[in-house]
């Protein structure tokens, strides 16, 4: 019988080319988990819901050939702590800034997907002195337009119902604890152009990370903080950090073409991809990032 693929962070990190290792750091009043490998200019990868640092595993070895790659579990994600508060993107960005200081890094590139993209932008807005370039994958920072989302979608349009569901108090934990794989399978079946791109092993990694009531509550707090994020955005000066956005052809590319140019950059469409760009089209993500960051 073949040996089961590992699910724990240390073994997952060791399975990747690039000398990756798993670590924890106590910073900014919380405890962050991160995976570190490669050599060169620092490049921080920030993932999103409902995944962990592992969502970058297909791109990390290639990026590590030219960069020191640090894949971080945000506050509330995976191997990181899940405190009662601090889930607004400004605080999450402060966590990342503190981690960089802990590692002795003055400046870094930041690449974020989903929730991580919001944090990458908040880092550039609040810590420009520590930010080289940022890339936003398939999501921009929350803005006032997000208040216009509807609970009744037009026929034929994909409905992001979880934006509301994840803000409900207490109920998601009761419904999903120990059953999170059902939500993952539903999302990957509908938000990926090729659901098989997120394989069974990766789904098991994510289910393990989100199956507990504490993990569900913490990750949902990222969504409950959106009103604070929108308020914070109103107080930010224009970000002058060079910025790239990648949008999936079958996901948020059209939305990004409306939102991101206002942030001062261009948007690249990733063909034949849904929302999960680093797993669906890793070769395109690597090519675009290296062209932008090097």
Foldseek 3Di string as FASTA:
>chain_A
DDDDQDQDDQSLQVVAPFPKGWDWDCWPNWIKIKIKGAAEAEEEEEEAPLAALCLQRLQVNVVSPHHTYIYIGFALWFPIHQDPDQLALLSSLRRVVRVCVVVVQQAHEYEYAHLSQQNNVSNLQPPVRRYAAYEYEADHHQAPCVVVADPDDDPPDDHPNVLVVLQDPPVVQVVQQVNVLVVVQVCLVPQWLDSCLCPPSRSVSSCVGQRHSSSSNRSSVNSNCSVVRNVVVVVTDQRPRHYEYEHEPAERQVVCCVPVVVSPYDYHYDYSTGRSCCSRPVVVVNVVCVVPPD
